């Protein structure tokens, strides 16, 4: 999951840095994951409903006007994507031996931001009662923590997850996560998702209380620390927020969002060397989102490394030429070029 601190509540300095910080605030997505790529994009995950494990090597068909457009296969994390699409209606179809077929419509006929738009879906594979799975990969052994979760609690978690991540109704997800926790008090992932639902509703105090319980229950949950860092920074608690993000990355160094969050906080504190390290790492892990481009360019510009700033901004404009930030990025790139020519 991809988590970012908001710069909106931080004091706003003046000049170019203020403009750039405002851009970062616009780019910071909600804690629910949302990645952008060239053009219109559908991305998502396929999960086994029984245990919420990712389904690898599952074929997804993309249909438009009743005709097959493209096929994709899920990777090890159950992730897939279709890129370079147009603003229209598509149908995703999944057929997997031993499981019920899935057909989901993605209607793009809404205003969502032009060529930088992403449509996220989560597809759940339900076992077909009439068949035994024949081609499914061997199920990964469940951990002791997962085995301890009662089926009733898991069902409530799945209902909440659908409302939050798929249907984008955080307020409707809260009762399900609360019920899952009531049924199993050590359900740390339910605490994390409940905190995320609170955060998306701007209930930051509830989010902080819930995350405190999550990290106390299971201190190895990197996502809990990443979200905790986001919420702390969003409430102007910079130092503890930085510490939480560092803890998250100590547990899972591949959380690109935590690197971006930490870089933003360090940038605000003018710790430019460390900010650059984490901005570069976020960019290396995920250069498919505008945020990592703008963040890296911002840090480089603050360090007066104008040549590389221009290079990063040029790449941004090549990937996202018509996005809502393109005009502002062009102006900042021109300013960086002027700085390069000055003695």
C-alpha atoms as a PDB file:
ATOM      1  CA  UNK A   1       0.000   0.000   0.000  1.00  0.00           C
ATOM      2  CA  UNK A   2       1.114   3.298  -0.938  1.00  0.00           C
ATOM      3  CA  UNK A   3       1.098   6.065   1.821  1.00  0.00           C
ATOM      4  CA  UNK A   4       2.016   9.733   1.720  1.00  0.00           C
ATOM      5  CA  UNK A   5       2.152  12.633   4.187  1.00  0.00           C
ATOM      6  CA  UNK A   6       0.299  15.743   3.162  1.00  0.00           C
ATOM      7  CA  UNK A   7       2.147  19.032   2.980  1.00  0.00           C
ATOM      8  CA  UNK A   8      -1.065  21.015   3.272  1.00  0.00           C
ATOM      9  CA  UNK A   9      -0.773  21.638   7.007  1.00  0.00           C
ATOM     10  CA  UNK A  10       2.882  22.614   7.030  1.00  0.00           C
ATOM     11  CA  UNK A  11       3.814  26.303   7.155  1.00  0.00           C
ATOM     12  CA  UNK A  12       4.017  27.642   3.626  1.00  0.00           C
ATOM     13  CA  UNK A  13       7.308  29.351   2.690  1.00  0.00           C
ATOM     14  CA  UNK A  14       7.332  31.862  -0.131  1.00  0.00           C
ATOM     15  CA  UNK A  15       8.631  31.828  -3.686  1.00  0.00           C
ATOM     16  CA  UNK A  16       9.545  28.851  -5.823  1.00  0.00           C
ATOM     17  CA  UNK A  17       9.670  26.434  -2.907  1.00  0.00           C
ATOM     18  CA  UNK A  18       6.116  27.430  -1.926  1.00  0.00           C
ATOM     19  CA  UNK A  19       4.893  26.727  -5.440  1.00  0.00           C
ATOM     20  CA  UNK A  20       6.647  23.382  -5.516  1.00  0.00           C
ATOM     21  CA  UNK A  21       5.336  22.387  -2.111  1.00  0.00           C
ATOM     22  CA  UNK A  22       1.845  23.246  -3.293  1.00  0.00           C
ATOM     23  CA  UNK A  23       2.387  20.968  -6.276  1.00  0.00           C
ATOM     24  CA  UNK A  24       3.432  18.158  -3.977  1.00  0.00           C
ATOM     25  CA  UNK A  25       0.311  18.668  -1.894  1.00  0.00           C
ATOM     26  CA  UNK A  26      -1.822  18.350  -5.029  1.00  0.00           C
ATOM     27  CA  UNK A  27      -0.011  15.201  -6.046  1.00  0.00           C
ATOM     28  CA  UNK A  28      -0.148  13.421  -2.709  1.00  0.00           C
ATOM     29  CA  UNK A  29      -2.757  10.730  -3.202  1.00  0.00           C
ATOM     30  CA  UNK A  30      -5.061   9.343  -0.597  1.00  0.00           C
ATOM     31  CA  UNK A  31      -3.596   6.468   1.314  1.00  0.00           C
ATOM     32  CA  UNK A  32      -5.412   4.038  -0.857  1.00  0.00           C
ATOM     33  CA  UNK A  33      -3.075   3.084  -3.596  1.00  0.00           C
ATOM     34  CA  UNK A  34      -3.289   5.031  -6.947  1.00  0.00           C
ATOM     35  CA  UNK A  35      -0.523   4.855  -9.467  1.00  0.00           C
ATOM     36  CA  UNK A  36      -0.443   6.816 -12.727  1.00  0.00           C
ATOM     37  CA  UNK A  37       1.223   5.993 -16.027  1.00  0.00           C
ATOM     38  CA  UNK A  38       1.247   7.301 -19.562  1.00  0.00           C
ATOM     39  CA  UNK A  39      -2.283   7.969 -20.728  1.00  0.00           C
ATOM     40  CA  UNK A  40      -5.376   6.383 -19.231  1.00  0.00           C
ATOM     41  CA  UNK A  41      -4.684   3.267 -17.241  1.00  0.00           C
ATOM     42  CA  UNK A  42      -6.498   0.406 -15.519  1.00  0.00           C
ATOM     43  CA  UNK A  43      -4.527  -1.274 -12.776  1.00  0.00           C
ATOM     44  CA  UNK A  44      -5.492  -3.659 -10.056  1.00  0.00           C
ATOM     45  CA  UNK A  45      -4.960  -6.867  -8.155  1.00  0.00           C
ATOM     46  CA  UNK A  46      -6.466 -10.327  -8.197  1.00  0.00           C
ATOM     47  CA  UNK A  47      -6.814 -11.928  -4.768  1.00  0.00           C
ATOM     48  CA  UNK A  48      -8.068 -15.273  -3.522  1.00  0.00           C
ATOM     49  CA  UNK A  49     -11.139 -14.396  -1.455  1.00  0.00           C
ATOM     50  CA  UNK A  50     -10.505 -17.175   1.050  1.00  0.00           C
ATOM     51  CA  UNK A  51      -7.272 -15.819   2.468  1.00  0.00           C
ATOM     52  CA  UNK A  52      -6.707 -12.499   0.623  1.00  0.00           C
ATOM     53  CA  UNK A  53      -3.524 -13.920  -0.915  1.00  0.00           C
ATOM     54  CA  UNK A  54      -2.404 -12.594  -4.320  1.00  0.00           C
ATOM     55  CA  UNK A  55      -3.271 -14.797  -7.322  1.00  0.00           C
ATOM     56  CA  UNK A  56      -0.279 -15.149  -9.617  1.00  0.00           C
ATOM     57  CA  UNK A  57      -0.337 -15.862 -13.366  1.00  0.00           C
ATOM     58  CA  UNK A  58      -4.062 -15.239 -13.741  1.00  0.00           C
ATOM     59  CA  UNK A  59      -5.167 -14.058 -17.178  1.00  0.00           C
ATOM     60  CA  UNK A  60      -7.303 -10.903 -17.377  1.00  0.00           C
ATOM     61  CA  UNK A  61      -9.030  -9.992 -20.621  1.00  0.00           C
ATOM     62  CA  UNK A  62      -9.844  -6.401 -21.529  1.00  0.00           C
ATOM     63  CA  UNK A  63     -12.943  -6.021 -23.693  1.00  0.00           C
ATOM     64  CA  UNK A  64     -14.418  -2.974 -25.397  1.00  0.00           C
ATOM     65  CA  UNK A  65     -17.685  -2.906 -27.350  1.00  0.00           C
ATOM     66  CA  UNK A  66     -17.849  -6.683 -27.059  1.00  0.00           C
ATOM     67  CA  UNK A  67     -14.429  -7.225 -28.613  1.00  0.00           C
ATOM     68  CA  UNK A  68     -11.253  -8.453 -26.971  1.00  0.00           C
ATOM     69  CA  UNK A  69      -8.659  -5.646 -26.853  1.00  0.00           C
ATOM     70  CA  UNK A  70      -5.791  -7.055 -24.823  1.00  0.00           C
ATOM     71  CA  UNK A  71      -4.744  -9.704 -22.312  1.00  0.00           C
ATOM     72  CA  UNK A  72      -2.576  -9.373 -19.203  1.00  0.00           C
ATOM     73  CA  UNK A  73      -1.284 -11.813 -16.592  1.00  0.00           C
ATOM     74  CA  UNK A  74      -0.921 -11.104 -12.901  1.00  0.00           C
ATOM     75  CA  UNK A  75       2.535 -10.913 -11.360  1.00  0.00           C
ATOM     76  CA  UNK A  76       3.706 -12.395  -8.063  1.00  0.00           C
ATOM     77  CA  UNK A  77       1.761  -9.811  -6.046  1.00  0.00           C
ATOM     78  CA  UNK A  78      -1.402 -10.436  -8.031  1.00  0.00           C
ATOM     79  CA  UNK A  79      -0.999  -7.114  -9.847  1.00  0.00           C
ATOM     80  CA  UNK A  80      -1.873  -6.307 -13.453  1.00  0.00           C
ATOM     81  CA  UNK A  81      -2.325  -3.227 -15.608  1.00  0.00           C
ATOM     82  CA  UNK A  82      -3.560  -2.032 -18.975  1.00  0.00           C
ATOM     83  CA  UNK A  83      -2.066   1.218 -20.243  1.00  0.00           C
ATOM     84  CA  UNK A  84      -2.557   3.723 -23.065  1.00  0.00           C
ATOM     85  CA  UNK A  85      -6.339   3.442 -22.956  1.00  0.00           C
ATOM     86  CA  UNK A  86      -9.010   5.910 -24.010  1.00  0.00           C
ATOM     87  CA  UNK A  87     -11.829   7.448 -21.976  1.00  0.00           C
ATOM     88  CA  UNK A  88     -14.581   4.920 -22.603  1.00  0.00           C
ATOM     89  CA  UNK A  89     -16.161   1.851 -21.024  1.00  0.00           C
ATOM     90  CA  UNK A  90     -14.221  -1.390 -20.674  1.00  0.00           C
ATOM     91  CA  UNK A  91     -15.067  -4.825 -19.325  1.00  0.00           C
ATOM     92  CA  UNK A  92     -12.548  -6.951 -17.414  1.00  0.00           C
ATOM     93  CA  UNK A  93     -13.051 -10.710 -17.592  1.00  0.00           C
ATOM     94  CA  UNK A  94     -11.279 -13.360 -15.564  1.00  0.00           C
ATOM     95  CA  UNK A  95     -11.571 -17.098 -16.046  1.00  0.00           C
ATOM     96  CA  UNK A  96      -9.561 -19.245 -13.663  1.00  0.00           C
ATOM     97  CA  UNK A  97      -9.940 -22.990 -13.320  1.00  0.00           C
ATOM     98  CA  UNK A  98     -11.814 -23.961 -10.169  1.00  0.00           C
ATOM     99  CA  UNK A  99     -13.109 -20.451  -9.476  1.00  0.00           C
ATOM    100  CA  UNK A 100     -16.207 -18.535 -10.428  1.00  0.00           C
ATOM    101  CA  UNK A 101     -15.793 -16.273 -13.489  1.00  0.00           C
ATOM    102  CA  UNK A 102     -15.429 -12.531 -12.912  1.00  0.00           C
ATOM    103  CA  UNK A 103     -16.758  -9.789 -15.135  1.00  0.00           C
ATOM    104  CA  UNK A 104     -16.380  -6.178 -14.048  1.00  0.00           C
ATOM    105  CA  UNK A 105     -17.213  -3.011 -15.952  1.00  0.00           C
ATOM    106  CA  UNK A 106     -14.920   0.011 -15.710  1.00  0.00           C
ATOM    107  CA  UNK A 107     -16.763   3.121 -16.874  1.00  0.00           C
ATOM    108  CA  UNK A 108     -14.327   5.910 -17.695  1.00  0.00           C
ATOM    109  CA  UNK A 109     -16.939   8.404 -18.833  1.00  0.00           C
ATOM    110  CA  UNK A 110     -16.302  10.688 -15.891  1.00  0.00           C
ATOM    111  CA  UNK A 111     -13.938  13.628 -15.372  1.00  0.00           C
ATOM    112  CA  UNK A 112     -10.871  12.238 -13.632  1.00  0.00           C
ATOM    113  CA  UNK A 113      -7.950  14.317 -14.742  1.00  0.00           C
ATOM    114  CA  UNK A 114      -7.050  13.606 -18.342  1.00  0.00           C
ATOM    115  CA  UNK A 115      -4.073  11.566 -19.479  1.00  0.00           C
ATOM    116  CA  UNK A 116      -2.791  11.047 -15.987  1.00  0.00           C
ATOM    117  CA  UNK A 117      -5.913   9.111 -14.969  1.00  0.00           C
ATOM    118  CA  UNK A 118      -5.866   5.719 -13.277  1.00  0.00           C
ATOM    119  CA  UNK A 119      -8.748   3.383 -12.556  1.00  0.00           C
ATOM    120  CA  UNK A 120      -8.070   0.917  -9.740  1.00  0.00           C
ATOM    121  CA  UNK A 121      -9.883  -2.379  -9.354  1.00  0.00           C
ATOM    122  CA  UNK A 122      -9.660  -5.315  -6.977  1.00  0.00           C
ATOM    123  CA  UNK A 123     -10.907  -8.653  -8.281  1.00  0.00           C
ATOM    124  CA  UNK A 124     -11.711 -11.433  -5.809  1.00  0.00           C
ATOM    125  CA  UNK A 125     -11.551 -15.090  -6.874  1.00  0.00           C
ATOM    126  CA  UNK A 126     -14.336 -17.085  -5.234  1.00  0.00           C
ATOM    127  CA  UNK A 127     -14.107 -20.905  -5.334  1.00  0.00           C
ATOM    128  CA  UNK A 128     -16.601 -22.584  -7.650  1.00  0.00           C
ATOM    129  CA  UNK A 129     -18.575 -24.992  -5.439  1.00  0.00           C
ATOM    130  CA  UNK A 130     -19.108 -27.282  -8.434  1.00  0.00           C
ATOM    131  CA  UNK A 131     -15.401 -27.703  -9.123  1.00  0.00           C
ATOM    132  CA  UNK A 132     -12.189 -28.468  -7.349  1.00  0.00           C
ATOM    133  CA  UNK A 133      -9.285 -26.119  -8.183  1.00  0.00           C
ATOM    134  CA  UNK A 134      -7.076 -27.899 -10.697  1.00  0.00           C
ATOM    135  CA  UNK A 135      -4.705 -25.279 -12.028  1.00  0.00           C
ATOM    136  CA  UNK A 136      -4.291 -23.001  -9.051  1.00  0.00           C
ATOM    137  CA  UNK A 137      -0.762 -22.670  -7.686  1.00  0.00           C
ATOM    138  CA  UNK A 138       0.021 -24.265  -4.344  1.00  0.00           C
ATOM    139  CA  UNK A 139      -1.303 -22.068  -1.575  1.00  0.00           C
ATOM    140  CA  UNK A 140       1.371 -20.425   0.519  1.00  0.00           C
ATOM    141  CA  UNK A 141       1.339 -21.683   4.092  1.00  0.00           C
ATOM    142  CA  UNK A 142      -0.582 -19.383   6.377  1.00  0.00           C
ATOM    143  CA  UNK A 143       1.316 -17.787   9.214  1.00  0.00           C
ATOM    144  CA  UNK A 144       0.312 -18.458  12.801  1.00  0.00           C
ATOM    145  CA  UNK A 145      -1.180 -14.959  12.952  1.00  0.00           C
ATOM    146  CA  UNK A 146      -3.309 -15.576   9.860  1.00  0.00           C
ATOM    147  CA  UNK A 147      -4.441 -18.977  11.079  1.00  0.00           C
ATOM    148  CA  UNK A 148      -5.592 -17.369  14.319  1.00  0.00           C
ATOM    149  CA  UNK A 149      -8.072 -15.101  12.525  1.00  0.00           C
ATOM    150  CA  UNK A 150     -11.580 -16.621  12.788  1.00  0.00           C
ATOM    151  CA  UNK A 151     -13.474 -17.016   9.492  1.00  0.00           C
ATOM    152  CA  UNK A 152     -16.175 -14.613  10.665  1.00  0.00           C
ATOM    153  CA  UNK A 153     -13.590 -11.892  11.316  1.00  0.00           C
ATOM    154  CA  UNK A 154     -11.975 -12.507   7.940  1.00  0.00           C
ATOM    155  CA  UNK A 155     -15.336 -12.154   6.179  1.00  0.00           C
ATOM    156  CA  UNK A 156     -15.970  -8.817   7.877  1.00  0.00           C
ATOM    157  CA  UNK A 157     -12.490  -7.669   6.894  1.00  0.00           C
ATOM    158  CA  UNK A 158     -13.137  -8.604   3.258  1.00  0.00           C
ATOM    159  CA  UNK A 159     -16.424  -6.677   3.262  1.00  0.00           C
ATOM    160  CA  UNK A 160     -14.691  -3.633   4.680  1.00  0.00           C
ATOM    161  CA  UNK A 161     -11.825  -3.917   2.217  1.00  0.00           C
ATOM    162  CA  UNK A 162     -14.234  -3.982  -0.724  1.00  0.00           C
ATOM    163  CA  UNK A 163     -16.019  -0.875   0.513  1.00  0.00           C
ATOM    164  CA  UNK A 164     -12.759   0.985   1.143  1.00  0.00           C
ATOM    165  CA  UNK A 165     -10.456  -0.042  -1.699  1.00  0.00           C
ATOM    166  CA  UNK A 166     -12.828  -1.042  -4.462  1.00  0.00           C
ATOM    167  CA  UNK A 167     -16.008   0.974  -3.971  1.00  0.00           C
ATOM    168  CA  UNK A 168     -14.272   3.991  -2.403  1.00  0.00           C
ATOM    169  CA  UNK A 169     -16.750   4.223   0.494  1.00  0.00           C
ATOM    170  CA  UNK A 170     -14.570   4.595   3.609  1.00  0.00           C
ATOM    171  CA  UNK A 171     -17.551   5.469   5.801  1.00  0.00           C
ATOM    172  CA  UNK A 172     -19.237   2.165   4.893  1.00  0.00           C
ATOM    173  CA  UNK A 173     -16.083   0.166   5.542  1.00  0.00           C
ATOM    174  CA  UNK A 174     -15.706   1.297   9.170  1.00  0.00           C
ATOM    175  CA  UNK A 175     -18.417  -0.941  10.728  1.00  0.00           C
ATOM    176  CA  UNK A 176     -16.987  -4.021   9.014  1.00  0.00           C
ATOM    177  CA  UNK A 177     -13.440  -3.404  10.241  1.00  0.00           C
ATOM    178  CA  UNK A 178     -14.763  -2.641  13.711  1.00  0.00           C
ATOM    179  CA  UNK A 179     -16.697  -5.913  13.692  1.00  0.00           C
ATOM    180  CA  UNK A 180     -13.599  -7.816  12.521  1.00  0.00           C
ATOM    181  CA  UNK A 181     -11.637  -6.347  15.443  1.00  0.00           C
ATOM    182  CA  UNK A 182     -14.457  -7.167  17.846  1.00  0.00           C
ATOM    183  CA  UNK A 183     -14.324 -10.785  16.685  1.00  0.00           C
ATOM    184  CA  UNK A 184     -10.520 -10.934  16.812  1.00  0.00           C
ATOM    185  CA  UNK A 185      -8.779  -8.355  18.962  1.00  0.00           C
ATOM    186  CA  UNK A 186      -5.305  -9.068  17.546  1.00  0.00           C
ATOM    187  CA  UNK A 187      -6.281  -8.441  13.925  1.00  0.00           C
ATOM    188  CA  UNK A 188      -3.570  -5.853  13.195  1.00  0.00           C
ATOM    189  CA  UNK A 189      -4.362  -5.531   9.497  1.00  0.00           C
ATOM    190  CA  UNK A 190      -7.975  -4.712  10.336  1.00  0.00           C
ATOM    191  CA  UNK A 191      -6.692  -1.932  12.583  1.00  0.00           C
ATOM    192  CA  UNK A 192      -4.553  -0.582   9.713  1.00  0.00           C
ATOM    193  CA  UNK A 193      -7.444  -0.554   7.268  1.00  0.00           C
ATOM    194  CA  UNK A 194      -9.759   0.990   9.855  1.00  0.00           C
ATOM    195  CA  UNK A 195      -7.203   3.762  10.428  1.00  0.00           C
ATOM    196  CA  UNK A 196      -6.984   4.280   6.680  1.00  0.00           C
ATOM    197  CA  UNK A 197     -10.775   4.622   6.483  1.00  0.00           C
ATOM    198  CA  UNK A 198     -10.678   7.174   9.309  1.00  0.00           C
ATOM    199  CA  UNK A 199      -7.881   9.091   7.615  1.00  0.00           C
ATOM    200  CA  UNK A 200      -9.744   9.298   4.323  1.00  0.00           C
ATOM    201  CA  UNK A 201     -12.629  10.839   6.255  1.00  0.00           C
ATOM    202  CA  UNK A 202     -10.217  13.339   7.881  1.00  0.00           C
ATOM    203  CA  UNK A 203     -10.758  11.773  11.311  1.00  0.00           C
ATOM    204  CA  UNK A 204      -7.085  12.024  12.176  1.00  0.00           C
ATOM    205  CA  UNK A 205      -7.441  11.566  15.942  1.00  0.00           C
ATOM    206  CA  UNK A 206      -9.306   8.292  15.406  1.00  0.00           C
ATOM    207  CA  UNK A 207      -6.694   7.227  12.865  1.00  0.00           C
ATOM    208  CA  UNK A 208      -3.839   7.886  15.296  1.00  0.00           C
ATOM    209  CA  UNK A 209      -5.525   5.981  18.130  1.00  0.00           C
ATOM    210  CA  UNK A 210      -6.202   3.036  15.849  1.00  0.00           C
ATOM    211  CA  UNK A 211      -2.653   2.938  14.484  1.00  0.00           C
ATOM    212  CA  UNK A 212      -1.203   3.059  17.983  1.00  0.00           C
ATOM    213  CA  UNK A 213      -3.098  -0.151  18.690  1.00  0.00           C
ATOM    214  CA  UNK A 214      -1.977  -1.700  15.401  1.00  0.00           C
ATOM    215  CA  UNK A 215       1.749  -1.204  16.056  1.00  0.00           C
ATOM    216  CA  UNK A 216       1.347  -2.340  19.669  1.00  0.00           C
ATOM    217  CA  UNK A 217      -0.370  -5.550  18.580  1.00  0.00           C
ATOM    218  CA  UNK A 218       2.145  -6.387  15.850  1.00  0.00           C
ATOM    219  CA  UNK A 219       5.297  -4.230  15.687  1.00  0.00           C
ATOM    220  CA  UNK A 220       6.394  -5.946  12.444  1.00  0.00           C
ATOM    221  CA  UNK A 221       3.602  -4.410  10.350  1.00  0.00           C
ATOM    222  CA  UNK A 222       5.469  -1.992   8.079  1.00  0.00           C
ATOM    223  CA  UNK A 223       2.245  -0.609   6.583  1.00  0.00           C
ATOM    224  CA  UNK A 224       1.042   0.390  10.023  1.00  0.00           C
ATOM    225  CA  UNK A 225       4.187   2.435  10.660  1.00  0.00           C
ATOM    226  CA  UNK A 226       4.027   3.972   7.166  1.00  0.00           C
ATOM    227  CA  UNK A 227       0.456   5.146   7.687  1.00  0.00           C
ATOM    228  CA  UNK A 228       1.294   6.294  11.201  1.00  0.00           C
ATOM    229  CA  UNK A 229       4.095   8.444   9.790  1.00  0.00           C
ATOM    230  CA  UNK A 230       1.725   9.935   7.233  1.00  0.00           C
ATOM    231  CA  UNK A 231      -0.913  10.851   9.806  1.00  0.00           C
ATOM    232  CA  UNK A 232       1.617  12.280  12.254  1.00  0.00           C
ATOM    233  CA  UNK A 233       3.160  14.522   9.613  1.00  0.00           C
ATOM    234  CA  UNK A 234      -0.289  15.497   8.396  1.00  0.00           C
ATOM    235  CA  UNK A 235      -0.991  16.760  11.927  1.00  0.00           C
ATOM    236  CA  UNK A 236       2.300  18.709  12.058  1.00  0.00           C
ATOM    237  CA  UNK A 237       4.055  16.158  14.293  1.00  0.00           C
ATOM    238  CA  UNK A 238       7.093  16.085  12.053  1.00  0.00           C
ATOM    239  CA  UNK A 239       9.724  14.427  14.232  1.00  0.00           C
ATOM    240  CA  UNK A 240       7.632  11.443  15.389  1.00  0.00           C
ATOM    241  CA  UNK A 241       6.317  11.142  11.835  1.00  0.00           C
ATOM    242  CA  UNK A 242       9.851  10.870  10.475  1.00  0.00           C
ATOM    243  CA  UNK A 243      10.673   8.249  13.100  1.00  0.00           C
ATOM    244  CA  UNK A 244       7.609   6.192  12.152  1.00  0.00           C
ATOM    245  CA  UNK A 245       8.521   6.310   8.465  1.00  0.00           C
ATOM    246  CA  UNK A 246      12.088   5.251   9.226  1.00  0.00           C
ATOM    247  CA  UNK A 247      10.705   2.323  11.224  1.00  0.00           C
ATOM    248  CA  UNK A 248       8.463   1.370   8.297  1.00  0.00           C
ATOM    249  CA  UNK A 249      11.412   1.350   5.895  1.00  0.00           C
ATOM    250  CA  UNK A 250      13.523  -0.650   8.342  1.00  0.00           C
ATOM    251  CA  UNK A 251      10.818  -3.316   8.157  1.00  0.00           C
ATOM    252  CA  UNK A 252      10.196  -3.061   4.403  1.00  0.00           C
ATOM    253  CA  UNK A 253      12.630  -1.033   2.328  1.00  0.00           C
ATOM    254  CA  UNK A 254      10.523  -1.444  -0.834  1.00  0.00           C
ATOM    255  CA  UNK A 255       7.685   0.863   0.292  1.00  0.00           C
ATOM    256  CA  UNK A 256       8.136   3.570  -2.326  1.00  0.00           C
ATOM    257  CA  UNK A 257       5.434   5.720  -0.746  1.00  0.00           C
ATOM    258  CA  UNK A 258       7.217   5.751   2.598  1.00  0.00           C
ATOM    259  CA  UNK A 259      10.410   6.869   0.842  1.00  0.00           C
ATOM    260  CA  UNK A 260       8.447   9.683  -0.825  1.00  0.00           C
ATOM    261  CA  UNK A 261       6.803  10.677   2.457  1.00  0.00           C
ATOM    262  CA  UNK A 262      10.126  10.721   4.272  1.00  0.00           C
ATOM    263  CA  UNK A 263      11.792  12.716   1.510  1.00  0.00           C
ATOM    264  CA  UNK A 264       9.008  15.314   1.659  1.00  0.00           C
ATOM    265  CA  UNK A 265       9.401  15.693   5.414  1.00  0.00           C
ATOM    266  CA  UNK A 266      13.193  15.934   5.190  1.00  0.00           C
ATOM    267  CA  UNK A 267      12.866  18.448   2.371  1.00  0.00           C
ATOM    268  CA  UNK A 268      10.711  20.625   4.596  1.00  0.00           C
ATOM    269  CA  UNK A 269      13.366  20.374   7.319  1.00  0.00           C
ATOM    270  CA  UNK A 270      16.036  21.335   4.760  1.00  0.00           C
ATOM    271  CA  UNK A 271      17.900  18.054   5.250  1.00  0.00           C
ATOM    272  CA  UNK A 272      18.562  17.980   1.535  1.00  0.00           C
ATOM    273  CA  UNK A 273      21.129  15.167   1.377  1.00  0.00           C
ATOM    274  CA  UNK A 274      18.819  12.675   3.073  1.00  0.00           C
ATOM    275  CA  UNK A 275      15.818  14.039   1.208  1.00  0.00           C
ATOM    276  CA  UNK A 276      17.600  13.386  -2.077  1.00  0.00           C
ATOM    277  CA  UNK A 277      18.500   9.819  -1.072  1.00  0.00           C
ATOM    278  CA  UNK A 278      14.876   8.925  -0.369  1.00  0.00           C
ATOM    279  CA  UNK A 279      13.549  10.861  -3.378  1.00  0.00           C
ATOM    280  CA  UNK A 280      15.895   8.895  -5.654  1.00  0.00           C
ATOM    281  CA  UNK A 281      14.818   5.620  -4.036  1.00  0.00           C
ATOM    282  CA  UNK A 282      11.113   6.442  -4.411  1.00  0.00           C
ATOM    283  CA  UNK A 283      11.730   7.301  -8.066  1.00  0.00           C
ATOM    284  CA  UNK A 284      13.679   4.075  -8.639  1.00  0.00           C
ATOM    285  CA  UNK A 285      10.941   1.974  -7.060  1.00  0.00           C
ATOM    286  CA  UNK A 286       8.089   3.674  -8.892  1.00  0.00           C
ATOM    287  CA  UNK A 287       8.700   6.143 -11.694  1.00  0.00           C
ATOM    288  CA  UNK A 288       5.176   5.563 -13.002  1.00  0.00           C
ATOM    289  CA  UNK A 289       3.585   8.236 -10.814  1.00  0.00           C
ATOM    290  CA  UNK A 290       3.954  12.019 -11.223  1.00  0.00           C
ATOM    291  CA  UNK A 291       4.688  12.399  -7.515  1.00  0.00           C
ATOM    292  CA  UNK A 292       8.127  10.776  -7.661  1.00  0.00           C
ATOM    293  CA  UNK A 293       9.147  12.950 -10.630  1.00  0.00           C
ATOM    294  CA  UNK A 294       8.051  16.202  -9.000  1.00  0.00           C
ATOM    295  CA  UNK A 295       9.520  15.275  -5.637  1.00  0.00           C
ATOM    296  CA  UNK A 296      12.913  14.393  -7.116  1.00  0.00           C
ATOM    297  CA  UNK A 297      12.942  17.561  -9.232  1.00  0.00           C
ATOM    298  CA  UNK A 298      12.024  19.656  -6.198  1.00  0.00           C
ATOM    299  CA  UNK A 299      14.863  18.285  -4.081  1.00  0.00           C
ATOM    300  CA  UNK A 300      17.336  18.711  -6.925  1.00  0.00           C
ATOM    301  CA  UNK A 301      16.205  22.286  -7.491  1.00  0.00           C
ATOM    302  CA  UNK A 302      16.574  23.095  -3.805  1.00  0.00           C
ATOM    303  CA  UNK A 303      20.114  21.728  -4.036  1.00  0.00           C
ATOM    304  CA  UNK A 304      20.717  23.969  -7.090  1.00  0.00           C
ATOM    305  CA  UNK A 305      21.395  20.942  -9.274  1.00  0.00           C
ATOM    306  CA  UNK A 306      19.596  22.572 -12.177  1.00  0.00           C
ATOM    307  CA  UNK A 307      20.807  20.363 -15.023  1.00  0.00           C
ATOM    308  CA  UNK A 308      19.366  17.214 -13.470  1.00  0.00           C
ATOM    309  CA  UNK A 309      16.262  19.147 -12.413  1.00  0.00           C
ATOM    310  CA  UNK A 310      15.581  19.999 -16.053  1.00  0.00           C
ATOM    311  CA  UNK A 311      16.206  16.391 -17.078  1.00  0.00           C
ATOM    312  CA  UNK A 312      13.676  15.050 -14.555  1.00  0.00           C
ATOM    313  CA  UNK A 313      11.103  17.675 -15.524  1.00  0.00           C
ATOM    314  CA  UNK A 314      11.587  16.896 -19.209  1.00  0.00           C
ATOM    315  CA  UNK A 315      10.872  13.240 -18.477  1.00  0.00           C
ATOM    316  CA  UNK A 316       7.780  14.245 -16.491  1.00  0.00           C
ATOM    317  CA  UNK A 317       6.442  16.288 -19.417  1.00  0.00           C
ATOM    318  CA  UNK A 318       7.180  13.472 -21.831  1.00  0.00           C
ATOM    319  CA  UNK A 319       5.206  11.013 -19.724  1.00  0.00           C
ATOM    320  CA  UNK A 320       2.402  13.320 -18.601  1.00  0.00           C
ATOM    321  CA  UNK A 321       2.170  16.078 -21.233  1.00  0.00           C
ATOM    322  CA  UNK A 322      -1.486  16.925 -20.660  1.00  0.00           C
ATOM    323  CA  UNK A 323      -1.840  16.484 -16.907  1.00  0.00           C
ATOM    324  CA  UNK A 324      -3.104  19.276 -14.688  1.00  0.00           C
ATOM    325  CA  UNK A 325       0.442  19.963 -13.484  1.00  0.00           C
ATOM    326  CA  UNK A 326       2.100  20.102 -16.896  1.00  0.00           C
ATOM    327  CA  UNK A 327       1.805  23.876 -17.330  1.00  0.00           C
ATOM    328  CA  UNK A 328       3.276  24.613 -13.909  1.00  0.00           C
ATOM    329  CA  UNK A 329       6.093  22.116 -14.436  1.00  0.00           C
ATOM    330  CA  UNK A 330       6.977  23.799 -17.734  1.00  0.00           C
ATOM    331  CA  UNK A 331       7.268  27.136 -15.949  1.00  0.00           C
ATOM    332  CA  UNK A 332       9.493  25.645 -13.259  1.00  0.00           C
ATOM    333  CA  UNK A 333      11.628  23.904 -15.869  1.00  0.00           C
ATOM    334  CA  UNK A 334      12.111  27.225 -17.669  1.00  0.00           C
ATOM    335  CA  UNK A 335      13.120  28.825 -14.380  1.00  0.00           C
ATOM    336  CA  UNK A 336      15.663  26.052 -13.773  1.00  0.00           C
ATOM    337  CA  UNK A 337      17.094  26.609 -17.248  1.00  0.00           C
ATOM    338  CA  UNK A 338      17.512  30.304 -16.495  1.00  0.00           C
ATOM    339  CA  UNK A 339      19.344  29.417 -13.286  1.00  0.00           C
ATOM    340  CA  UNK A 340      21.686  27.188 -15.293  1.00  0.00           C
ATOM    341  CA  UNK A 341      22.696  30.128 -17.493  1.00  0.00           C
ATOM    342  CA  UNK A 342      23.453  32.443 -14.606  1.00  0.00           C
ATOM    343  CA  UNK A 343      27.121  32.756 -13.569  1.00  0.00           C
END
